[in-house]
């Protein structure tokens, strides 16, 4: 099967071991412009209009506004964690460790 890896800061590791609970954070805290691009775009009037155009081609009209609303509020309603099967990754280490440090502030 293989291993599942989690890149985290020492602070978060100690917290996990002491509390024996996983914590989740907003994707808006991730230091990755591709993770937050659509959420940030949806908050701008011109960006929301662009997303509406794309959505209207693929879903029913009555669902378009609810999708826009969901995107506009994902930073406060959706939480997650980064996991990977890659045991060593400089990119993942930088992205995830920066996110962990942002959670401490």
N, C-alpha and C. Protein backbone atom coordinates (compact mmCIF):
# COMPACT_ATOMS: atom_id res chain seq x y z
N UNK A 1 0.82 -1.19 0.00
CA UNK A 1 0.00 0.00 0.00
C UNK A 1 0.86 1.26 0.00
N UNK A 2 1.74 1.49 0.93
CA UNK A 2 2.57 2.69 0.97
C UNK A 2 2.24 3.57 2.15
N UNK A 3 3.09 4.56 2.33
CA UNK A 3 2.94 5.48 3.46
C UNK A 3 2.19 6.73 3.05
N UNK A 4 1.56 7.33 4.03
CA UNK A 4 0.92 8.62 3.86
C UNK A 4 1.69 9.60 4.72
N UNK A 5 2.16 10.69 4.12
CA UNK A 5 3.04 11.64 4.82
C UNK A 5 2.33 12.97 5.05
N UNK A 6 2.76 13.64 6.09
CA UNK A 6 2.21 14.95 6.44
C UNK A 6 3.37 15.87 6.77
N UNK A 7 3.49 16.97 6.05
CA UNK A 7 4.51 17.97 6.35
C UNK A 7 3.93 18.94 7.36
N UNK A 8 4.64 19.15 8.45
CA UNK A 8 4.12 20.00 9.51
C UNK A 8 5.26 20.64 10.29
N UNK A 9 4.94 21.65 11.03
CA UNK A 9 5.93 22.29 11.88
C UNK A 9 6.10 21.48 13.17
N UNK A 10 7.19 21.73 13.87
CA UNK A 10 7.42 21.06 15.15
C UNK A 10 6.31 21.41 16.13
N UNK A 11 5.89 22.66 16.13
CA UNK A 11 4.81 23.09 17.03
C UNK A 11 3.54 22.28 16.80
N UNK A 12 3.17 22.09 15.54
CA UNK A 12 1.96 21.32 15.24
C UNK A 12 2.12 19.85 15.58
N UNK A 13 3.32 19.31 15.41
CA UNK A 13 3.56 17.91 15.77
C UNK A 13 3.40 17.72 17.28
N UNK A 14 3.98 18.60 18.06
CA UNK A 14 3.86 18.52 19.52
C UNK A 14 2.40 18.65 19.93
N UNK A 15 1.68 19.59 19.31
CA UNK A 15 0.26 19.78 19.59
C UNK A 15 -0.53 18.52 19.27
N UNK A 16 -0.23 17.90 18.13
CA UNK A 16 -0.91 16.66 17.73
C UNK A 16 -0.67 15.55 18.75
N UNK A 17 0.58 15.40 19.17
CA UNK A 17 0.91 14.34 20.12
C UNK A 17 0.30 14.58 21.50
N UNK A 18 0.27 15.82 21.93
CA UNK A 18 -0.29 16.12 23.25
C UNK A 18 -1.81 16.01 23.26
N UNK A 19 -2.47 16.58 22.27
CA UNK A 19 -3.94 16.58 22.26
C UNK A 19 -4.53 15.35 21.59
N UNK A 20 -3.72 14.65 20.80
CA UNK A 20 -4.17 13.48 20.04
C UNK A 20 -5.38 13.82 19.16
N UNK A 21 -5.31 15.00 18.55
CA UNK A 21 -6.36 15.46 17.65
C UNK A 21 -5.72 16.13 16.44
N UNK A 22 -6.33 15.92 15.29
CA UNK A 22 -5.89 16.62 14.08
C UNK A 22 -6.53 18.01 14.06
N UNK A 23 -5.80 18.99 13.58
CA UNK A 23 -6.36 20.32 13.39
C UNK A 23 -6.43 20.60 11.90
N UNK A 24 -7.38 21.39 11.51
CA UNK A 24 -7.59 21.73 10.11
C UNK A 24 -7.54 23.24 9.96
N UNK A 25 -7.12 23.72 8.79
CA UNK A 25 -7.03 25.16 8.58
C UNK A 25 -7.64 25.55 7.23
N UNK A 26 -7.90 26.82 7.09
CA UNK A 26 -8.49 27.36 5.87
C UNK A 26 -7.49 27.29 4.72
N UNK A 27 -7.94 26.96 3.52
CA UNK A 27 -7.05 26.99 2.37
C UNK A 27 -6.50 28.40 2.12
N UNK A 28 -7.19 29.43 2.60
CA UNK A 28 -6.73 30.80 2.43
C UNK A 28 -5.40 31.05 3.13
N UNK A 29 -5.05 30.22 4.11
CA UNK A 29 -3.78 30.38 4.83
C UNK A 29 -2.61 29.75 4.10
N UNK A 30 -2.88 28.95 3.08
CA UNK A 30 -1.80 28.29 2.37
C UNK A 30 -1.03 29.28 1.51
N UNK A 31 0.27 29.12 1.50
CA UNK A 31 1.14 29.99 0.72
C UNK A 31 1.27 29.43 -0.70
N UNK A 32 0.13 29.29 -1.36
CA UNK A 32 0.10 28.73 -2.71
C UNK A 32 -0.95 29.49 -3.51
N UNK A 33 -0.54 30.33 -4.45
CA UNK A 33 -1.51 31.14 -5.19
C UNK A 33 -2.51 30.31 -6.00
N UNK A 34 -2.17 29.09 -6.36
CA UNK A 34 -3.08 28.26 -7.13
C UNK A 34 -4.21 27.69 -6.28
N UNK A 35 -3.97 27.51 -4.99
CA UNK A 35 -5.01 26.99 -4.09
C UNK A 35 -6.11 28.03 -3.87
N UNK A 36 -5.75 29.30 -3.86
CA UNK A 36 -6.70 30.35 -3.49
C UNK A 36 -7.16 31.21 -4.67
N UNK A 37 -6.69 30.91 -5.85
CA UNK A 37 -6.96 31.76 -7.01
C UNK A 37 -8.46 31.95 -7.25
N UNK A 38 -9.21 30.86 -7.33
CA UNK A 38 -10.63 30.96 -7.67
C UNK A 38 -11.41 31.61 -6.52
N UNK A 39 -11.05 31.28 -5.28
CA UNK A 39 -11.74 31.91 -4.13
C UNK A 39 -11.53 33.42 -4.14
N UNK A 40 -10.30 33.86 -4.38
CA UNK A 40 -10.00 35.30 -4.42
C UNK A 40 -10.69 35.96 -5.61
N UNK A 41 -10.70 35.29 -6.75
CA UNK A 41 -11.34 35.82 -7.95
C UNK A 41 -12.84 36.01 -7.73
N UNK A 42 -13.47 35.08 -7.05
CA UNK A 42 -14.92 35.14 -6.82
C UNK A 42 -15.32 36.32 -5.95
N UNK A 43 -14.40 36.86 -5.17
CA UNK A 43 -14.72 37.99 -4.29
C UNK A 43 -14.67 39.32 -5.03
N UNK A 44 -14.12 39.34 -6.22
CA UNK A 44 -14.06 40.56 -7.02
C UNK A 44 -15.22 40.57 -8.01
N UNK A 45 -15.89 41.71 -8.19
CA UNK A 45 -17.04 41.75 -9.12
C UNK A 45 -16.70 41.23 -10.52
N UNK A 46 -15.59 41.67 -11.07
CA UNK A 46 -15.21 41.23 -12.42
C UNK A 46 -14.86 39.74 -12.42
N UNK A 47 -14.23 39.28 -11.36
CA UNK A 47 -13.87 37.87 -11.25
C UNK A 47 -15.10 36.98 -11.13
N UNK A 48 -16.06 37.42 -10.31
CA UNK A 48 -17.31 36.66 -10.15
C UNK A 48 -18.05 36.57 -11.48
N UNK A 49 -18.02 37.67 -12.26
CA UNK A 49 -18.67 37.66 -13.58
C UNK A 49 -18.00 36.66 -14.51
N UNK A 50 -16.69 36.59 -14.46
CA UNK A 50 -15.95 35.62 -15.28
C UNK A 50 -16.29 34.19 -14.90
N UNK A 51 -16.36 33.94 -13.60
CA UNK A 51 -16.69 32.59 -13.12
C UNK A 51 -18.11 32.23 -13.52
N UNK A 52 -19.04 33.20 -13.44
CA UNK A 52 -20.42 32.96 -13.86
C UNK A 52 -20.48 32.47 -15.31
N UNK A 53 -19.70 33.12 -16.17
CA UNK A 53 -19.68 32.74 -17.59
C UNK A 53 -19.28 31.27 -17.75
N UNK A 54 -18.25 30.87 -17.04
CA UNK A 54 -17.76 29.49 -17.13
C UNK A 54 -18.79 28.53 -16.56
N UNK A 55 -19.36 28.87 -15.40
CA UNK A 55 -20.34 27.99 -14.76
C UNK A 55 -21.59 27.81 -15.61
N UNK A 56 -22.04 28.86 -16.26
CA UNK A 56 -23.26 28.77 -17.07
C UNK A 56 -23.13 27.78 -18.23
N UNK A 57 -21.89 27.50 -18.62
CA UNK A 57 -21.66 26.52 -19.70
C UNK A 57 -21.71 25.09 -19.20
N UNK A 58 -21.60 24.90 -17.88
CA UNK A 58 -21.49 23.53 -17.38
C UNK A 58 -22.55 23.12 -16.36
N UNK A 59 -23.25 24.07 -15.73
CA UNK A 59 -24.29 23.70 -14.77
C UNK A 59 -25.57 24.49 -15.04
N UNK A 60 -26.67 24.05 -14.44
CA UNK A 60 -27.96 24.73 -14.63
C UNK A 60 -27.91 26.12 -14.04
N UNK A 61 -28.59 27.04 -14.68
CA UNK A 61 -28.60 28.45 -14.30
C UNK A 61 -28.95 28.72 -12.85
N UNK A 62 -29.90 27.97 -12.31
CA UNK A 62 -30.34 28.24 -10.93
C UNK A 62 -29.27 27.90 -9.89
N UNK A 63 -28.24 27.15 -10.29
CA UNK A 63 -27.18 26.79 -9.34
C UNK A 63 -25.96 27.70 -9.41
N UNK A 64 -25.90 28.55 -10.43
CA UNK A 64 -24.73 29.39 -10.63
C UNK A 64 -24.49 30.31 -9.44
N UNK A 65 -25.50 31.02 -8.98
CA UNK A 65 -25.32 31.97 -7.87
C UNK A 65 -24.94 31.27 -6.56
N UNK A 66 -25.49 30.07 -6.33
CA UNK A 66 -25.10 29.35 -5.11
C UNK A 66 -23.64 28.91 -5.17
N UNK A 67 -23.17 28.56 -6.36
CA UNK A 67 -21.75 28.19 -6.53
C UNK A 67 -20.85 29.40 -6.28
N UNK A 68 -21.24 30.56 -6.80
CA UNK A 68 -20.48 31.79 -6.57
C UNK A 68 -20.44 32.10 -5.08
N UNK A 69 -21.57 32.00 -4.42
CA UNK A 69 -21.63 32.26 -2.97
C UNK A 69 -20.74 31.30 -2.19
N UNK A 70 -20.73 30.04 -2.60
CA UNK A 70 -19.87 29.06 -1.94
C UNK A 70 -18.40 29.44 -2.10
N UNK A 71 -18.00 29.79 -3.30
CA UNK A 71 -16.61 30.18 -3.55
C UNK A 71 -16.22 31.42 -2.74
N UNK A 72 -17.15 32.37 -2.62
CA UNK A 72 -16.85 33.60 -1.90
C UNK A 72 -16.68 33.38 -0.40
N UNK A 73 -17.21 32.30 0.12
CA UNK A 73 -17.15 32.05 1.57
C UNK A 73 -16.33 30.82 1.96
N UNK A 74 -15.63 30.22 1.00
CA UNK A 74 -14.86 29.01 1.30
C UNK A 74 -13.77 29.25 2.34
N UNK A 75 -13.22 30.47 2.37
CA UNK A 75 -12.13 30.74 3.31
C UNK A 75 -12.58 30.67 4.76
N UNK A 76 -13.89 30.72 5.02
CA UNK A 76 -14.39 30.62 6.40
C UNK A 76 -15.28 29.40 6.61
N UNK A 77 -15.51 28.63 5.56
CA UNK A 77 -16.39 27.46 5.71
C UNK A 77 -15.73 26.13 5.38
N UNK A 78 -14.58 26.15 4.71
CA UNK A 78 -13.90 24.92 4.31
C UNK A 78 -12.54 24.85 4.99
N UNK A 79 -12.25 23.71 5.58
CA UNK A 79 -10.97 23.51 6.26
C UNK A 79 -10.39 22.18 5.83
N UNK A 80 -9.08 22.08 5.81
CA UNK A 80 -8.46 20.85 5.36
C UNK A 80 -7.04 20.70 5.87
N UNK A 81 -6.36 19.69 5.37
CA UNK A 81 -4.98 19.37 5.73
C UNK A 81 -4.26 18.86 4.50
N UNK A 82 -2.97 19.12 4.40
CA UNK A 82 -2.14 18.63 3.29
C UNK A 82 -1.57 17.27 3.65
N UNK A 83 -1.79 16.29 2.79
CA UNK A 83 -1.22 14.95 2.94
C UNK A 83 -0.64 14.55 1.60
N UNK A 84 0.35 13.69 1.59
CA UNK A 84 0.98 13.27 0.34
C UNK A 84 1.56 11.87 0.48
N UNK A 85 1.80 11.24 -0.64
CA UNK A 85 2.51 9.95 -0.65
C UNK A 85 3.99 10.17 -0.94
N UNK A 86 4.37 11.44 -1.18
CA UNK A 86 5.76 11.80 -1.45
C UNK A 86 6.48 12.03 -0.12
N UNK A 87 7.46 11.20 0.18
CA UNK A 87 8.15 11.29 1.47
C UNK A 87 9.05 12.51 1.57
N UNK A 88 9.61 12.97 0.46
CA UNK A 88 10.50 14.13 0.48
C UNK A 88 10.09 15.10 -0.61
N UNK A 89 9.78 16.32 -0.22
CA UNK A 89 9.40 17.34 -1.19
C UNK A 89 9.68 18.72 -0.61
N UNK A 90 10.65 19.40 -1.20
CA UNK A 90 10.99 20.74 -0.74
C UNK A 90 9.81 21.69 -0.91
N UNK A 91 9.10 21.57 -2.02
CA UNK A 91 7.96 22.45 -2.29
C UNK A 91 6.88 22.24 -1.23
N UNK A 92 6.50 20.99 -0.98
CA UNK A 92 5.47 20.74 0.03
C UNK A 92 5.92 21.18 1.42
N UNK A 93 7.18 20.98 1.72
CA UNK A 93 7.69 21.39 3.03
C UNK A 93 7.54 22.90 3.19
N UNK A 94 7.91 23.68 2.17
CA UNK A 94 7.82 25.15 2.26
C UNK A 94 6.37 25.60 2.35
N UNK A 95 5.50 25.04 1.52
CA UNK A 95 4.09 25.46 1.52
C UNK A 95 3.44 25.12 2.85
N UNK A 96 3.57 23.89 3.29
CA UNK A 96 2.87 23.45 4.50
C UNK A 96 3.47 24.04 5.77
N UNK A 97 4.79 24.20 5.83
CA UNK A 97 5.38 24.76 7.04
C UNK A 97 5.04 26.25 7.15
N UNK A 98 4.94 26.97 6.03
CA UNK A 98 4.51 28.37 6.09
C UNK A 98 3.08 28.48 6.56
N UNK A 99 2.24 27.56 6.14
CA UNK A 99 0.84 27.56 6.57
C UNK A 99 0.77 27.33 8.07
N UNK A 100 1.57 26.41 8.56
CA UNK A 100 1.57 26.12 10.00
C UNK A 100 2.01 27.35 10.79
N UNK A 101 3.02 28.07 10.31
CA UNK A 101 3.50 29.25 11.02
C UNK A 101 2.43 30.34 10.99
N UNK A 102 1.67 30.45 9.91
CA UNK A 102 0.60 31.45 9.83
C UNK A 102 -0.48 31.15 10.86
N UNK A 103 -0.70 29.87 11.14
CA UNK A 103 -1.69 29.50 12.14
C UNK A 103 -1.29 29.92 13.55
N UNK A 104 0.01 30.09 13.78
CA UNK A 104 0.49 30.46 15.12
C UNK A 104 0.30 31.94 15.38
N UNK A 105 0.21 32.75 14.34
CA UNK A 105 0.10 34.21 14.52
C UNK A 105 -1.30 34.64 14.82
